[in-house]
């Protein structure tokens, strides 16, 4: 099917990139958003919920047209609830599985940036925030300095993560001056 050829290319190792990725040329923005939401809801999502997640309202006509186009591209999508029958490999699905398996190292390796940062679909925006916050909380709870440093770099302006990193570093650690400078700057900017 076109979906397999497009997503997998020539090598079976290729995976669909949705974390910090752009719209897929073959699917367009709405198709890419719908695919991300279907991947995130492995057990399925109702038509009303999927339409509201995409359009901000229960626009079932537009949803059915969009799902028809996705099926024409080779995606097998079942109804009631809507779900992908044979989900393509993706960084999003691998990230969700790493998080649920508490594999922070793998989750951080996969998290190259926010989910579809260009998207303004309500469901994608909510999922983007949820994924970031879940990863953030897991890393903060772990106290792992390597994980904190990677996350602090990826999130950039998260004062709490930088403070947690700084607190756990010794002054001899080469990352200490970086963390200290960032904490001081962020505290000034946030008026803390």
N, C-alpha and C. Protein backbone atom coordinates (compact mmCIF):
# COMPACT_ATOMS: atom_id res chain seq x y z
N UNK A 1 0.82 -1.20 0.00
CA UNK A 1 0.00 0.00 0.00
C UNK A 1 0.86 1.26 0.00
N UNK A 2 0.28 2.34 -0.51
CA UNK A 2 1.00 3.61 -0.59
C UNK A 2 1.50 4.05 0.79
N UNK A 3 0.70 3.83 1.82
CA UNK A 3 1.09 4.25 3.17
C UNK A 3 2.38 3.58 3.59
N UNK A 4 2.50 2.28 3.38
CA UNK A 4 3.72 1.55 3.76
C UNK A 4 4.93 2.07 2.98
N UNK A 5 4.76 2.21 1.66
CA UNK A 5 5.87 2.68 0.83
C UNK A 5 6.28 4.09 1.24
N UNK A 6 5.30 4.94 1.49
CA UNK A 6 5.60 6.33 1.87
C UNK A 6 6.28 6.39 3.23
N UNK A 7 5.75 5.68 4.19
CA UNK A 7 6.25 5.78 5.55
C UNK A 7 7.54 5.00 5.76
N UNK A 8 7.64 3.86 5.13
CA UNK A 8 8.80 3.02 5.37
C UNK A 8 9.91 3.24 4.37
N UNK A 9 9.57 3.78 3.20
CA UNK A 9 10.58 3.99 2.18
C UNK A 9 11.17 2.66 1.76
N UNK A 10 12.46 2.65 1.53
CA UNK A 10 13.10 1.43 1.05
C UNK A 10 13.55 0.52 2.20
N UNK A 11 13.89 1.12 3.34
CA UNK A 11 14.38 0.31 4.45
C UNK A 11 13.32 0.15 5.52
N UNK A 12 13.21 -1.00 6.09
CA UNK A 12 12.21 -1.27 7.12
C UNK A 12 12.50 -0.54 8.43
N UNK A 13 13.72 0.06 8.55
CA UNK A 13 14.08 0.73 9.78
C UNK A 13 13.47 2.13 9.89
N UNK A 14 13.05 2.70 8.76
CA UNK A 14 12.52 4.06 8.77
C UNK A 14 11.22 4.12 9.53
N UNK A 15 11.03 5.22 10.24
CA UNK A 15 9.83 5.38 11.04
C UNK A 15 9.27 6.77 10.83
N UNK A 16 7.99 6.88 10.95
CA UNK A 16 7.28 8.14 10.79
C UNK A 16 7.70 9.09 11.91
N UNK A 17 8.08 10.31 11.56
CA UNK A 17 8.56 11.26 12.56
C UNK A 17 7.49 12.32 12.82
N UNK A 18 6.95 12.32 14.02
CA UNK A 18 5.92 13.27 14.41
C UNK A 18 6.37 14.18 15.54
N UNK A 19 7.37 13.74 16.29
CA UNK A 19 7.92 14.57 17.37
C UNK A 19 8.90 15.55 16.74
N UNK A 20 8.56 16.82 16.78
CA UNK A 20 9.32 17.89 16.16
C UNK A 20 9.29 17.79 14.63
N UNK A 21 8.25 17.14 14.10
CA UNK A 21 8.16 16.97 12.66
C UNK A 21 7.14 17.90 12.03
N UNK A 22 7.23 17.99 10.72
CA UNK A 22 6.30 18.80 9.95
C UNK A 22 5.20 17.95 9.36
N UNK A 23 4.26 18.57 8.65
CA UNK A 23 3.20 17.80 8.00
C UNK A 23 3.80 16.86 6.96
N UNK A 24 3.25 15.68 6.87
CA UNK A 24 3.73 14.73 5.87
C UNK A 24 3.21 15.15 4.50
N UNK A 25 4.09 15.30 3.53
CA UNK A 25 3.67 15.83 2.22
C UNK A 25 2.51 15.05 1.59
N UNK A 26 2.53 13.76 1.73
CA UNK A 26 1.49 12.94 1.11
C UNK A 26 0.15 13.03 1.84
N UNK A 27 0.16 13.44 3.11
CA UNK A 27 -1.07 13.46 3.90
C UNK A 27 -1.59 14.86 4.15
N UNK A 28 -0.74 15.87 4.09
CA UNK A 28 -1.14 17.23 4.40
C UNK A 28 -1.27 17.43 5.90
N UNK A 29 -1.51 18.69 6.32
CA UNK A 29 -1.58 18.97 7.75
C UNK A 29 -2.67 18.21 8.49
N UNK A 30 -3.91 18.25 8.02
CA UNK A 30 -5.00 17.57 8.74
C UNK A 30 -4.81 16.06 8.76
N UNK A 31 -4.34 15.51 7.66
CA UNK A 31 -4.09 14.07 7.62
C UNK A 31 -3.01 13.66 8.60
N UNK A 32 -1.97 14.48 8.71
CA UNK A 32 -0.88 14.20 9.65
C UNK A 32 -1.39 14.30 11.09
N UNK A 33 -2.21 15.32 11.36
CA UNK A 33 -2.78 15.48 12.71
C UNK A 33 -3.67 14.29 13.06
N UNK A 34 -4.51 13.89 12.11
CA UNK A 34 -5.40 12.75 12.36
C UNK A 34 -4.59 11.48 12.63
N UNK A 35 -3.55 11.27 11.84
CA UNK A 35 -2.70 10.09 12.03
C UNK A 35 -2.06 10.11 13.42
N UNK A 36 -1.57 11.27 13.85
CA UNK A 36 -0.95 11.37 15.18
C UNK A 36 -1.96 11.04 16.27
N UNK A 37 -3.17 11.57 16.15
CA UNK A 37 -4.20 11.30 17.16
C UNK A 37 -4.61 9.84 17.17
N UNK A 38 -4.70 9.23 16.00
CA UNK A 38 -5.04 7.80 15.93
C UNK A 38 -3.91 6.95 16.53
N UNK A 39 -2.67 7.34 16.28
CA UNK A 39 -1.54 6.61 16.86
C UNK A 39 -1.55 6.71 18.39
N UNK A 40 -1.90 7.89 18.90
CA UNK A 40 -1.90 8.10 20.35
C UNK A 40 -3.06 7.39 21.04
N UNK A 41 -4.11 7.08 20.29
CA UNK A 41 -5.27 6.38 20.85
C UNK A 41 -5.33 4.98 20.25
N UNK A 42 -4.39 4.14 20.66
CA UNK A 42 -4.29 2.79 20.10
C UNK A 42 -5.56 1.98 20.25
N UNK A 43 -6.28 2.18 21.34
CA UNK A 43 -7.51 1.42 21.57
C UNK A 43 -8.70 2.02 20.85
N UNK A 44 -8.52 3.19 20.28
CA UNK A 44 -9.58 3.81 19.50
C UNK A 44 -10.10 5.09 20.13
N UNK A 45 -10.78 5.87 19.30
CA UNK A 45 -11.35 7.14 19.71
C UNK A 45 -12.66 7.33 18.97
N UNK A 46 -13.67 7.84 19.64
CA UNK A 46 -14.98 8.02 19.00
C UNK A 46 -14.88 9.08 17.90
N UNK A 47 -15.80 9.02 16.96
CA UNK A 47 -15.84 10.00 15.88
C UNK A 47 -16.00 11.42 16.39
N UNK A 48 -16.88 11.58 17.37
CA UNK A 48 -17.11 12.92 17.93
C UNK A 48 -15.84 13.46 18.59
N UNK A 49 -15.18 12.62 19.36
CA UNK A 49 -13.95 13.05 20.05
C UNK A 49 -12.83 13.35 19.05
N UNK A 50 -12.71 12.54 18.01
CA UNK A 50 -11.67 12.77 17.01
C UNK A 50 -11.96 14.05 16.23
N UNK A 51 -13.21 14.27 15.86
CA UNK A 51 -13.58 15.50 15.14
C UNK A 51 -13.31 16.72 16.00
N UNK A 52 -13.68 16.68 17.27
CA UNK A 52 -13.43 17.82 18.16
C UNK A 52 -11.93 18.03 18.35
N UNK A 53 -11.18 16.94 18.42
CA UNK A 53 -9.73 17.06 18.58
C UNK A 53 -9.08 17.70 17.36
N UNK A 54 -9.63 17.46 16.19
CA UNK A 54 -9.08 18.02 14.96
C UNK A 54 -9.61 19.42 14.65
N UNK A 55 -10.91 19.62 14.80
CA UNK A 55 -11.56 20.83 14.32
C UNK A 55 -12.07 21.75 15.43
N UNK A 56 -12.09 21.27 16.66
CA UNK A 56 -12.62 22.07 17.75
C UNK A 56 -14.13 22.00 17.84
N UNK A 57 -14.74 21.22 16.99
CA UNK A 57 -16.19 21.01 16.99
C UNK A 57 -16.48 19.65 16.37
N UNK A 58 -17.66 19.10 16.64
CA UNK A 58 -17.97 17.76 16.11
C UNK A 58 -18.35 17.80 14.63
N UNK A 59 -17.38 18.08 13.76
CA UNK A 59 -17.60 18.17 12.32
C UNK A 59 -17.41 16.77 11.71
N UNK A 60 -18.44 15.95 11.81
CA UNK A 60 -18.32 14.55 11.36
C UNK A 60 -18.20 14.43 9.85
N UNK A 61 -18.80 15.35 9.12
CA UNK A 61 -18.68 15.31 7.65
C UNK A 61 -17.24 15.48 7.20
N UNK A 62 -16.57 16.49 7.75
CA UNK A 62 -15.17 16.73 7.41
C UNK A 62 -14.30 15.56 7.87
N UNK A 63 -14.63 14.99 9.02
CA UNK A 63 -13.85 13.86 9.53
C UNK A 63 -13.98 12.66 8.60
N UNK A 64 -15.19 12.36 8.16
CA UNK A 64 -15.38 11.20 7.27
C UNK A 64 -14.63 11.39 5.96
N UNK A 65 -14.63 12.60 5.43
CA UNK A 65 -13.89 12.88 4.20
C UNK A 65 -12.39 12.68 4.42
N UNK A 66 -11.89 13.18 5.54
CA UNK A 66 -10.48 13.04 5.87
C UNK A 66 -10.09 11.57 6.04
N UNK A 67 -10.90 10.81 6.77
CA UNK A 67 -10.60 9.39 6.98
C UNK A 67 -10.67 8.61 5.67
N UNK A 68 -11.57 9.01 4.77
CA UNK A 68 -11.65 8.38 3.45
C UNK A 68 -10.34 8.60 2.69
N UNK A 69 -9.80 9.83 2.76
CA UNK A 69 -8.53 10.12 2.09
C UNK A 69 -7.38 9.30 2.70
N UNK A 70 -7.39 9.16 4.03
CA UNK A 70 -6.34 8.35 4.67
C UNK A 70 -6.45 6.88 4.26
N UNK A 71 -7.67 6.39 4.18
CA UNK A 71 -7.85 5.00 3.74
C UNK A 71 -7.39 4.82 2.30
N UNK A 72 -7.63 5.83 1.46
CA UNK A 72 -7.20 5.77 0.06
C UNK A 72 -5.67 5.75 -0.04
N UNK A 73 -4.99 6.28 0.97
CA UNK A 73 -3.52 6.26 1.01
C UNK A 73 -2.99 4.93 1.54
N UNK A 74 -3.88 4.04 1.96
CA UNK A 74 -3.46 2.71 2.39
C UNK A 74 -3.55 2.46 3.89
N UNK A 75 -4.04 3.42 4.65
CA UNK A 75 -4.18 3.21 6.09
C UNK A 75 -5.47 2.45 6.35
N UNK A 76 -5.37 1.39 7.14
CA UNK A 76 -6.55 0.63 7.52
C UNK A 76 -7.07 1.18 8.84
N UNK A 77 -8.23 1.86 8.75
CA UNK A 77 -8.82 2.51 9.93
C UNK A 77 -10.17 1.88 10.19
N UNK A 78 -10.33 1.29 11.36
CA UNK A 78 -11.61 0.69 11.70
C UNK A 78 -12.52 1.76 12.31
N UNK A 79 -13.81 1.44 12.36
CA UNK A 79 -14.80 2.39 12.89
C UNK A 79 -15.31 1.92 14.25
N UNK A 80 -15.90 2.87 14.96
CA UNK A 80 -16.64 2.65 16.22
C UNK A 80 -15.88 1.79 17.22
N UNK A 81 -14.86 2.23 17.83
CA UNK A 81 -14.22 3.53 17.67
C UNK A 81 -13.22 3.51 16.52
N UNK A 82 -12.82 4.71 16.08
CA UNK A 82 -11.82 4.80 15.03
C UNK A 82 -10.46 4.45 15.60
N UNK A 83 -9.76 3.57 14.88
CA UNK A 83 -8.40 3.21 15.30
C UNK A 83 -7.64 2.63 14.11
N UNK A 84 -6.33 2.76 14.15
CA UNK A 84 -5.49 2.19 13.10
C UNK A 84 -5.35 0.70 13.35
N UNK A 85 -5.67 -0.09 12.34
CA UNK A 85 -5.58 -1.55 12.50
C UNK A 85 -4.14 -2.04 12.43
N UNK A 86 -3.34 -1.38 11.63
CA UNK A 86 -1.93 -1.77 11.48
C UNK A 86 -1.09 -0.51 11.55
N UNK A 87 -0.88 0.02 12.77
CA UNK A 87 -0.19 1.30 12.90
C UNK A 87 1.22 1.25 12.31
N UNK A 88 1.57 2.27 11.53
CA UNK A 88 2.93 2.31 11.00
C UNK A 88 3.92 2.63 12.11
N UNK A 89 5.17 2.21 11.98
CA UNK A 89 6.16 2.55 12.99
C UNK A 89 6.32 4.08 13.05
N UNK A 90 6.39 4.60 14.25
CA UNK A 90 6.52 6.04 14.41
C UNK A 90 7.28 6.35 15.69
N UNK A 91 7.90 7.53 15.70
CA UNK A 91 8.57 7.95 16.92
C UNK A 91 7.56 8.19 18.04
N UNK A 92 6.36 8.63 17.68
CA UNK A 92 5.33 8.87 18.69
C UNK A 92 4.94 7.59 19.41
N UNK A 93 4.66 6.55 18.65
CA UNK A 93 4.26 5.27 19.25
C UNK A 93 5.40 4.68 20.08
N UNK A 94 6.62 4.76 19.56
CA UNK A 94 7.78 4.26 20.31
C UNK A 94 7.99 5.07 21.59
N UNK A 95 7.79 6.39 21.51
CA UNK A 95 7.92 7.26 22.68
C UNK A 95 6.88 6.90 23.74
N UNK A 96 5.62 6.74 23.32
CA UNK A 96 4.56 6.37 24.26
C UNK A 96 4.85 5.04 24.95
N UNK A 97 5.35 4.08 24.19
CA UNK A 97 5.69 2.77 24.76
C UNK A 97 6.88 2.87 25.71
N UNK A 98 7.86 3.69 25.37
CA UNK A 98 9.01 3.87 26.26
C UNK A 98 8.58 4.52 27.56
N UNK A 99 7.70 5.52 27.47
CA UNK A 99 7.21 6.17 28.69
C UNK A 99 6.42 5.21 29.55
N UNK A 100 5.53 4.44 28.93
CA UNK A 100 4.71 3.51 29.72
C UNK A 100 5.56 2.39 30.31
N UNK A 101 6.68 2.07 29.65
CA UNK A 101 7.60 1.05 30.17
C UNK A 101 8.66 1.63 31.08
N UNK A 102 8.55 2.93 31.38
CA UNK A 102 9.48 3.65 32.26
C UNK A 102 10.93 3.58 31.77
N UNK A 103 11.09 3.57 30.45
CA UNK A 103 12.42 3.59 29.84
C UNK A 103 12.75 5.03 29.47
N UNK A 104 13.22 5.78 30.47
CA UNK A 104 13.50 7.21 30.27
C UNK A 104 14.59 7.45 29.25
N UNK A 105 15.58 6.60 29.22
CA UNK A 105 16.67 6.78 28.26
C UNK A 105 16.13 6.72 26.83
N UNK A 106 15.30 5.73 26.56
CA UNK A 106 14.71 5.59 25.22
C UNK A 106 13.74 6.73 24.93
N UNK A 107 12.92 7.10 25.91
CA UNK A 107 11.97 8.19 25.72
C UNK A 107 12.69 9.49 25.39
N UNK A 108 13.77 9.78 26.09
CA UNK A 108 14.53 11.00 25.82
C UNK A 108 15.22 10.94 24.46
N UNK A 109 15.67 9.77 24.08
CA UNK A 109 16.30 9.63 22.76
C UNK A 109 15.28 9.90 21.65
N UNK A 110 14.05 9.49 21.87
CA UNK A 110 13.01 9.68 20.86
C UNK A 110 12.43 11.09 20.86
N UNK A 111 12.43 11.74 22.01
CA UNK A 111 11.82 13.06 22.13
C UNK A 111 12.78 14.12 21.60
N UNK A 112 12.69 14.38 20.31
CA UNK A 112 13.55 15.39 19.69
C UNK A 112 12.90 16.77 19.71
N UNK A 113 11.67 16.82 20.13
CA UNK A 113 10.94 18.08 20.21
C UNK A 113 9.47 17.80 20.39
N UNK A 114 8.66 18.86 20.48
CA UNK A 114 7.23 18.68 20.72
C UNK A 114 6.50 18.02 19.56
N UNK A 115 5.40 17.39 19.86
CA UNK A 115 4.56 16.75 18.86
C UNK A 115 4.01 17.79 17.89
N UNK A 116 4.27 17.61 16.61
CA UNK A 116 3.76 18.49 15.55
C UNK A 116 3.67 19.94 16.01
N UNK A 117 4.81 20.58 16.23
CA UNK A 117 4.82 21.92 16.83
C UNK A 117 4.05 22.97 16.02
N UNK A 118 3.82 22.74 14.77
CA UNK A 118 3.10 23.67 13.90
C UNK A 118 1.58 23.55 14.05
N UNK A 119 1.11 22.45 14.61
CA UNK A 119 -0.33 22.16 14.66
C UNK A 119 -1.05 23.01 15.69
N UNK A 120 -2.26 23.48 15.30
CA UNK A 120 -3.12 24.21 16.22
C UNK A 120 -4.42 23.44 16.48
N UNK A 121 -4.47 22.18 16.06
CA UNK A 121 -5.64 21.36 16.34
C UNK A 121 -5.74 21.17 17.85
N UNK A 122 -6.92 21.40 18.44
CA UNK A 122 -7.05 21.32 19.90
C UNK A 122 -6.55 20.01 20.50
N UNK A 123 -6.86 18.90 19.87
CA UNK A 123 -6.44 17.61 20.40
C UNK A 123 -4.94 17.39 20.32
N UNK A 124 -4.32 17.91 19.27
CA UNK A 124 -2.87 17.78 19.12
C UNK A 124 -2.19 18.69 20.14
N UNK A 125 -2.70 19.91 20.31
CA UNK A 125 -2.11 20.81 21.31
C UNK A 125 -2.19 20.20 22.71
N UNK A 126 -3.33 19.62 23.05
CA UNK A 126 -3.50 19.00 24.37
C UNK A 126 -2.57 17.79 24.53
N UNK A 127 -2.46 16.98 23.49
CA UNK A 127 -1.59 15.81 23.54
C UNK A 127 -0.13 16.25 23.63
N UNK A 128 0.24 17.28 22.90
CA UNK A 128 1.61 17.81 22.94
C UNK A 128 1.98 18.20 24.37
N UNK A 129 1.10 18.94 25.04
CA UNK A 129 1.36 19.36 26.42
C UNK A 129 1.42 18.17 27.37
N UNK A 130 0.52 17.22 27.18
CA UNK A 130 0.48 16.03 28.04
C UNK A 130 1.76 15.21 27.91
N UNK A 131 2.24 15.02 26.67
CA UNK A 131 3.45 14.24 26.46
C UNK A 131 4.65 14.91 27.12
N UNK A 132 4.77 16.23 26.91
CA UNK A 132 5.89 16.96 27.49
C UNK A 132 5.85 16.92 29.02
N UNK A 133 4.66 17.13 29.58
CA UNK A 133 4.54 17.15 31.04
C UNK A 133 4.79 15.77 31.64
N UNK A 134 4.33 14.71 30.97
CA UNK A 134 4.57 13.35 31.46
C UNK A 134 6.05 13.04 31.47
N UNK A 135 6.73 13.39 30.39
CA UNK A 135 8.18 13.16 30.32
C UNK A 135 8.89 14.00 31.38
N UNK A 136 8.49 15.24 31.50
CA UNK A 136 9.09 16.16 32.46
C UNK A 136 8.98 15.62 33.89
N UNK A 137 7.78 15.20 34.26
CA UNK A 137 7.56 14.67 35.61
C UNK A 137 8.37 13.40 35.85
N UNK A 138 8.41 12.53 34.85
CA UNK A 138 9.16 11.28 35.00
C UNK A 138 10.64 11.55 35.20
N UNK A 139 11.19 12.48 34.44
CA UNK A 139 12.61 12.80 34.56
C UNK A 139 12.89 13.48 35.90
N UNK A 140 12.05 14.43 36.29
CA UNK A 140 12.25 15.09 37.59
C UNK A 140 12.17 14.09 38.73
N UNK A 141 11.25 13.15 38.66
CA UNK A 141 11.10 12.14 39.72
C UNK A 141 12.30 11.21 39.76
N UNK A 142 12.92 10.95 38.61
CA UNK A 142 14.06 10.03 38.57
C UNK A 142 15.30 10.61 39.23
N UNK A 143 15.48 11.94 39.12
CA UNK A 143 16.67 12.56 39.67
C UNK A 143 17.94 12.23 38.91
N UNK A 144 17.83 11.54 37.80
CA UNK A 144 18.97 11.14 36.98
C UNK A 144 19.58 12.39 36.32
N UNK A 145 20.84 12.68 36.63
CA UNK A 145 21.47 13.91 36.14
C UNK A 145 21.61 13.93 34.62
N UNK A 146 21.93 12.80 34.02
CA UNK A 146 22.04 12.76 32.55
C UNK A 146 20.69 13.05 31.92
N UNK A 147 19.65 12.42 32.44
CA UNK A 147 18.31 12.63 31.91
C UNK A 147 17.86 14.08 32.12
N UNK A 148 18.16 14.64 33.29
CA UNK A 148 17.81 16.04 33.56
C UNK A 148 18.52 16.98 32.60
N UNK A 149 19.80 16.71 32.34
CA UNK A 149 20.55 17.58 31.43
C UNK A 149 19.97 17.52 30.01
N UNK A 150 19.69 16.31 29.53
CA UNK A 150 19.11 16.17 28.19
C UNK A 150 17.76 16.88 28.10
N UNK A 151 16.92 16.68 29.10
CA UNK A 151 15.60 17.31 29.08
C UNK A 151 15.72 18.83 29.19
N UNK A 152 16.59 19.31 30.05
CA UNK A 152 16.78 20.76 30.20
C UNK A 152 17.19 21.37 28.87
N UNK A 153 18.09 20.71 28.15
CA UNK A 153 18.50 21.21 26.84
C UNK A 153 17.34 21.19 25.84
N UNK A 154 16.55 20.12 25.86
CA UNK A 154 15.45 20.00 24.90
C UNK A 154 14.35 21.02 25.18
N UNK A 155 14.03 21.23 26.48
CA UNK A 155 12.96 22.16 26.81
C UNK A 155 13.44 23.61 26.82
N UNK A 156 14.72 23.81 27.06
CA UNK A 156 15.32 25.13 26.95
C UNK A 156 15.02 26.11 28.06
N UNK A 157 13.77 26.46 28.29
CA UNK A 157 13.42 27.54 29.20
C UNK A 157 12.65 27.06 30.43
N UNK A 158 12.79 25.82 30.82
CA UNK A 158 12.06 25.28 31.96
C UNK A 158 12.89 25.45 33.23
N UNK A 159 12.57 26.48 33.99
CA UNK A 159 13.35 26.81 35.19
C UNK A 159 13.41 25.66 36.19
N UNK A 160 12.29 24.99 36.42
CA UNK A 160 12.27 23.91 37.41
C UNK A 160 13.23 22.79 37.03
N UNK A 161 13.30 22.45 35.76
CA UNK A 161 14.20 21.38 35.32
C UNK A 161 15.65 21.83 35.47
N UNK A 162 15.95 23.06 35.08
CA UNK A 162 17.32 23.56 35.23
C UNK A 162 17.72 23.63 36.71
N UNK A 163 16.79 24.05 37.57
CA UNK A 163 17.09 24.10 39.00
C UNK A 163 17.35 22.71 39.57
N UNK A 164 16.56 21.74 39.17
CA UNK A 164 16.76 20.37 39.64
C UNK A 164 18.11 19.84 39.19
N UNK A 165 18.49 20.17 37.96
CA UNK A 165 19.80 19.75 37.45
C UNK A 165 20.91 20.41 38.26
N UNK A 166 20.83 21.71 38.43
CA UNK A 166 21.86 22.46 39.16
C UNK A 166 22.02 21.93 40.58
N UNK A 167 20.91 21.63 41.22
CA UNK A 167 20.93 21.14 42.59
C UNK A 167 21.70 19.82 42.72
N UNK A 168 21.64 18.99 41.69
CA UNK A 168 22.28 17.68 41.76
C UNK A 168 23.70 17.64 41.23
N UNK A 169 24.17 18.73 40.62
CA UNK A 169 25.52 18.73 40.06
C UNK A 169 26.54 19.23 41.08
N UNK A 170 27.73 18.66 41.02
CA UNK A 170 28.81 19.19 41.85
C UNK A 170 29.45 20.36 41.09
N UNK A 171 30.02 21.31 41.80
CA UNK A 171 30.66 22.45 41.13
C UNK A 171 31.79 22.05 40.18
N UNK A 172 32.33 20.85 40.33
CA UNK A 172 33.41 20.38 39.45
C UNK A 172 32.88 19.83 38.13
N UNK A 173 31.60 19.53 38.07
CA UNK A 173 30.99 18.98 36.85
C UNK A 173 31.03 20.04 35.75
N UNK A 174 31.47 19.68 34.55
CA UNK A 174 31.55 20.68 33.47
C UNK A 174 30.18 21.27 33.08
N UNK A 175 29.11 20.61 33.44
CA UNK A 175 27.77 21.13 33.13
C UNK A 175 27.30 22.16 34.16
N UNK A 176 27.98 22.21 35.31
CA UNK A 176 27.58 23.11 36.39
C UNK A 176 27.51 24.58 35.95
N UNK A 177 28.55 25.13 35.31
CA UNK A 177 28.45 26.55 34.91
C UNK A 177 27.33 26.81 33.90
N UNK A 178 27.08 25.85 33.05
CA UNK A 178 25.99 25.99 32.07
C UNK A 178 24.66 26.07 32.80
N UNK A 179 24.44 25.13 33.72
CA UNK A 179 23.18 25.09 34.47
C UNK A 179 23.04 26.32 35.35
N UNK A 180 24.12 26.73 35.98
CA UNK A 180 24.04 27.89 36.87
C UNK A 180 23.70 29.16 36.08
N UNK A 181 24.36 29.35 34.94
CA UNK A 181 24.08 30.53 34.11
C UNK A 181 22.64 30.52 33.62
N UNK A 182 22.14 29.36 33.23
CA UNK A 182 20.77 29.28 32.72
C UNK A 182 19.77 29.57 33.84
N UNK A 183 20.00 29.01 35.02
CA UNK A 183 19.10 29.25 36.16
C UNK A 183 19.08 30.73 36.51
N UNK A 184 20.25 31.34 36.57
CA UNK A 184 20.30 32.77 36.91
C UNK A 184 19.56 33.62 35.88
N UNK A 185 19.77 33.32 34.59
CA UNK A 185 19.08 34.08 33.55
C UNK A 185 17.57 33.89 33.61
N UNK A 186 17.13 32.65 33.77
CA UNK A 186 15.70 32.38 33.81
C UNK A 186 15.05 33.01 35.03
N UNK A 187 15.74 32.99 36.16
CA UNK A 187 15.19 33.62 37.37
C UNK A 187 15.01 35.13 37.15
N UNK A 188 16.00 35.75 36.51
CA UNK A 188 15.88 37.18 36.20
C UNK A 188 14.70 37.44 35.26
N UNK A 189 14.60 36.64 34.20
CA UNK A 189 13.54 36.82 33.21
C UNK A 189 12.15 36.60 33.80
N UNK A 190 12.04 35.60 34.69
CA UNK A 190 10.75 35.28 35.31
C UNK A 190 10.48 36.08 36.56
N UNK A 191 11.46 36.90 36.98
CA UNK A 191 11.28 37.73 38.17
C UNK A 191 11.19 36.93 39.46
N UNK A 192 11.93 35.83 39.52
CA UNK A 192 11.91 34.94 40.68
C UNK A 192 13.06 35.28 41.60
